[in-house]
């Protein structure tokens, strides 16, 4: 008995080709970064101001009460600079505002958010920068007579707004907390 090989060959090809899974394109996914819940402690030291600091940050203190709040998990730092006010408030305000608007070249938008705490004599401005700017946030606070503090958020990498957005949003909350809890020592 002779078997016709053509039907067997066709049947084998149908089974071989027909048993593969259908290829479907994968949907685009967003990276989900989760950071620990913020826990704060009061920082004072020998400086003329105190504030609450997130415990996941490392603090590096300079002799002139300027600080670097390093966030190694997010590869970023918040730089705080202290300057006494000696009839130079207008110059300090101009410099702080100019520093924030130097990022306008790369920024998509800069949103100003005034901060006023008359009870503790803390007044300032928070700048939220969106886009591929070098700094995603800037701020300053002052009592208008004796003290002036500026702050800037920088990441260790080339700015790519989409990539650093989760970390920038987390650190902006910390910056707002610094502004809200900052007190001048008497």
Protein backbone atom coordinates (compact mmCIF):
# COMPACT_ATOMS: atom_id res chain seq x y z
CA UNK A 1 0.00 0.00 0.00
CA UNK A 2 1.42 3.28 -1.11
CA UNK A 3 0.67 6.47 0.84
CA UNK A 4 0.39 9.66 -1.11
CA UNK A 5 2.97 11.99 0.46
CA UNK A 6 1.39 15.28 -0.63
CA UNK A 7 -1.64 15.16 1.72
CA UNK A 8 0.59 14.08 4.63
CA UNK A 9 3.01 16.91 3.91
CA UNK A 10 0.17 19.46 3.72
CA UNK A 11 -1.32 18.16 6.96
CA UNK A 12 2.07 18.35 8.69
CA UNK A 13 2.59 21.97 7.54
CA UNK A 14 -0.88 23.00 8.71
CA UNK A 15 -0.27 21.51 12.15
CA UNK A 16 3.25 22.99 12.39
CA UNK A 17 2.29 26.50 11.27
CA UNK A 18 -1.11 26.53 12.95
CA UNK A 19 0.15 25.70 16.44
CA UNK A 20 2.12 28.90 16.98
CA UNK A 21 0.76 31.61 19.25
CA UNK A 22 -0.53 34.73 17.62
CA UNK A 23 1.89 37.65 18.01
CA UNK A 24 0.28 40.66 19.64
CA UNK A 25 1.94 44.04 20.14
CA UNK A 26 2.53 44.93 23.78
CA UNK A 27 0.85 48.04 25.11
CA UNK A 28 3.09 50.91 26.19
CA UNK A 29 3.71 50.95 29.91
CA UNK A 30 4.69 53.72 32.28
CA UNK A 31 7.52 53.30 34.74
CA UNK A 32 6.16 53.24 38.27
CA UNK A 33 8.56 54.48 40.90
CA UNK A 34 7.56 54.28 44.52
CA UNK A 35 9.41 56.18 47.20
CA UNK A 36 9.07 55.68 50.94
CA UNK A 37 6.56 57.72 52.87
CA UNK A 38 8.21 60.91 54.06
CA UNK A 39 9.17 61.11 57.73
CA UNK A 40 10.51 64.40 59.03
CA UNK A 41 12.80 65.52 61.82
CA UNK A 42 13.65 69.02 62.99
CA UNK A 43 17.07 70.34 61.94
CA UNK A 44 18.64 73.29 63.68
CA UNK A 45 22.29 73.14 64.54
CA UNK A 46 24.25 76.37 64.86
CA UNK A 47 22.46 78.11 62.00
CA UNK A 48 20.04 81.01 62.38
CA UNK A 49 17.12 78.96 61.08
CA UNK A 50 15.48 75.58 61.67
CA UNK A 51 13.21 73.42 59.51
CA UNK A 52 11.92 69.88 59.15
CA UNK A 53 14.02 67.56 57.00
CA UNK A 54 13.01 64.27 55.35
CA UNK A 55 14.86 61.44 57.10
CA UNK A 56 15.82 59.74 53.79
CA UNK A 57 18.11 62.66 52.95
CA UNK A 58 21.70 63.16 54.05
CA UNK A 59 22.66 66.63 55.20
CA UNK A 60 26.01 68.26 54.43
CA UNK A 61 26.57 71.44 56.40
CA UNK A 62 28.89 74.29 55.38
CA UNK A 63 30.36 76.82 57.77
CA UNK A 64 28.14 79.68 56.56
CA UNK A 65 24.82 77.87 57.29
CA UNK A 66 24.49 76.79 53.67
CA UNK A 67 23.36 73.17 53.39
CA UNK A 68 23.17 70.39 50.83
CA UNK A 69 20.31 67.94 51.34
CA UNK A 70 21.37 64.88 49.38
CA UNK A 71 18.80 62.29 48.24
CA UNK A 72 20.92 59.37 46.95
CA UNK A 73 17.88 57.17 46.20
CA UNK A 74 16.63 59.82 43.73
CA UNK A 75 20.05 60.96 42.56
CA UNK A 76 19.30 64.55 43.45
CA UNK A 77 20.12 67.28 45.92
CA UNK A 78 18.50 70.38 47.35
CA UNK A 79 21.02 73.20 47.84
CA UNK A 80 20.19 75.75 50.55
CA UNK A 81 22.11 79.02 50.77
CA UNK A 82 21.86 81.41 53.69
CA UNK A 83 22.68 85.10 53.46
CA UNK A 84 22.18 87.80 56.08
CA UNK A 85 20.12 90.83 55.07
CA UNK A 86 22.19 94.03 55.43
CA UNK A 87 20.30 96.70 53.48
CA UNK A 88 20.61 94.39 50.44
CA UNK A 89 17.17 92.77 50.40
CA UNK A 90 16.34 94.16 46.96
CA UNK A 91 19.57 92.72 45.51
CA UNK A 92 18.97 89.32 47.18
CA UNK A 93 15.40 89.19 45.83
CA UNK A 94 16.53 90.18 42.34
CA UNK A 95 19.30 87.55 42.34
CA UNK A 96 16.91 84.81 43.54
CA UNK A 97 14.32 85.67 40.90
CA UNK A 98 16.96 85.95 38.18
CA UNK A 99 18.37 82.52 39.11
CA UNK A 100 14.91 80.98 38.75
CA UNK A 101 14.28 82.56 35.37
CA UNK A 102 17.68 81.57 33.94
CA UNK A 103 16.03 78.17 33.37
CA UNK A 104 13.38 79.65 31.06
CA UNK A 105 15.46 78.70 27.99
CA UNK A 106 14.93 74.97 28.58
CA UNK A 107 11.78 75.13 30.68
CA UNK A 108 8.31 74.58 29.27
CA UNK A 109 6.73 76.55 32.10
CA UNK A 110 7.62 78.21 35.39
CA UNK A 111 4.85 78.53 37.96
CA UNK A 112 5.30 81.02 40.80
CA UNK A 113 3.65 80.18 44.12
CA UNK A 114 3.93 82.86 46.84
CA UNK A 115 4.44 81.75 50.43
CA UNK A 116 3.34 83.91 53.36
CA UNK A 117 3.59 82.97 57.04
CA UNK A 118 3.19 86.27 58.95
CA UNK A 119 3.00 84.54 62.35
CA UNK A 120 6.60 83.28 62.04
CA UNK A 121 7.77 86.11 59.73
CA UNK A 122 8.58 83.79 56.81
CA UNK A 123 7.81 85.15 53.35
CA UNK A 124 8.93 83.77 50.03
CA UNK A 125 8.29 82.33 46.61
CA UNK A 126 8.34 78.77 45.25
CA UNK A 127 9.10 78.27 41.55
CA UNK A 128 7.98 75.00 39.97
CA UNK A 129 9.86 74.45 36.72
CA UNK A 130 8.53 71.99 34.12
CA UNK A 131 10.50 70.83 31.12
CA UNK A 132 14.12 69.82 30.58
CA UNK A 133 15.57 72.60 32.74
CA UNK A 134 18.63 72.02 34.93
CA UNK A 135 16.64 72.69 38.13
CA UNK A 136 13.05 71.55 38.63
CA UNK A 137 12.40 73.77 41.66
CA UNK A 138 13.71 77.00 43.14
CA UNK A 139 12.61 78.95 46.18
CA UNK A 140 13.52 81.70 48.54
CA UNK A 141 12.32 82.68 52.01
CA UNK A 142 13.10 85.75 54.11
CA UNK A 143 11.96 87.66 57.15
CA UNK A 144 12.61 90.89 55.19
CA UNK A 145 14.94 92.32 57.83
CA UNK A 146 17.69 89.88 58.89
CA UNK A 147 17.62 86.53 57.07
CA UNK A 148 17.45 85.24 53.49
CA UNK A 149 17.53 81.57 52.35
CA UNK A 150 17.45 80.35 48.76
CA UNK A 151 17.05 76.76 47.62
CA UNK A 152 17.48 74.85 44.37
CA UNK A 153 16.76 71.27 43.35
CA UNK A 154 19.25 69.58 41.00
CA UNK A 155 19.57 66.01 39.77
CA UNK A 156 22.86 64.24 39.02
CA UNK A 157 21.77 63.36 35.48
CA UNK A 158 21.09 65.28 32.28
CA UNK A 159 17.57 66.68 32.65
CA UNK A 160 14.87 64.59 30.99
CA UNK A 161 11.59 65.80 32.43
CA UNK A 162 9.63 62.61 31.79
CA UNK A 163 12.25 60.48 33.57
CA UNK A 164 12.79 62.68 36.62
CA UNK A 165 9.16 63.75 37.09
CA UNK A 166 8.32 61.25 39.90
CA UNK A 167 11.44 62.18 41.88
CA UNK A 168 10.94 65.90 41.20
CA UNK A 169 7.34 65.74 42.47
CA UNK A 170 8.45 63.92 45.63
CA UNK A 171 11.23 66.43 46.32
CA UNK A 172 8.97 69.41 45.61
CA UNK A 173 6.79 68.22 48.50
CA UNK A 174 9.90 68.18 50.70
CA UNK A 175 10.82 71.69 49.58
CA UNK A 176 7.34 72.94 50.43
CA UNK A 177 7.68 71.27 53.84
CA UNK A 178 10.99 73.09 54.37
CA UNK A 179 9.32 76.40 53.55
CA UNK A 180 6.30 75.67 55.78
CA UNK A 181 8.38 74.62 58.79
CA UNK A 182 11.25 77.11 58.49
CA UNK A 183 11.65 79.26 61.61
CA UNK A 184 14.17 81.96 62.42
CA UNK A 185 16.11 81.64 65.64
CA UNK A 186 15.83 84.69 67.85
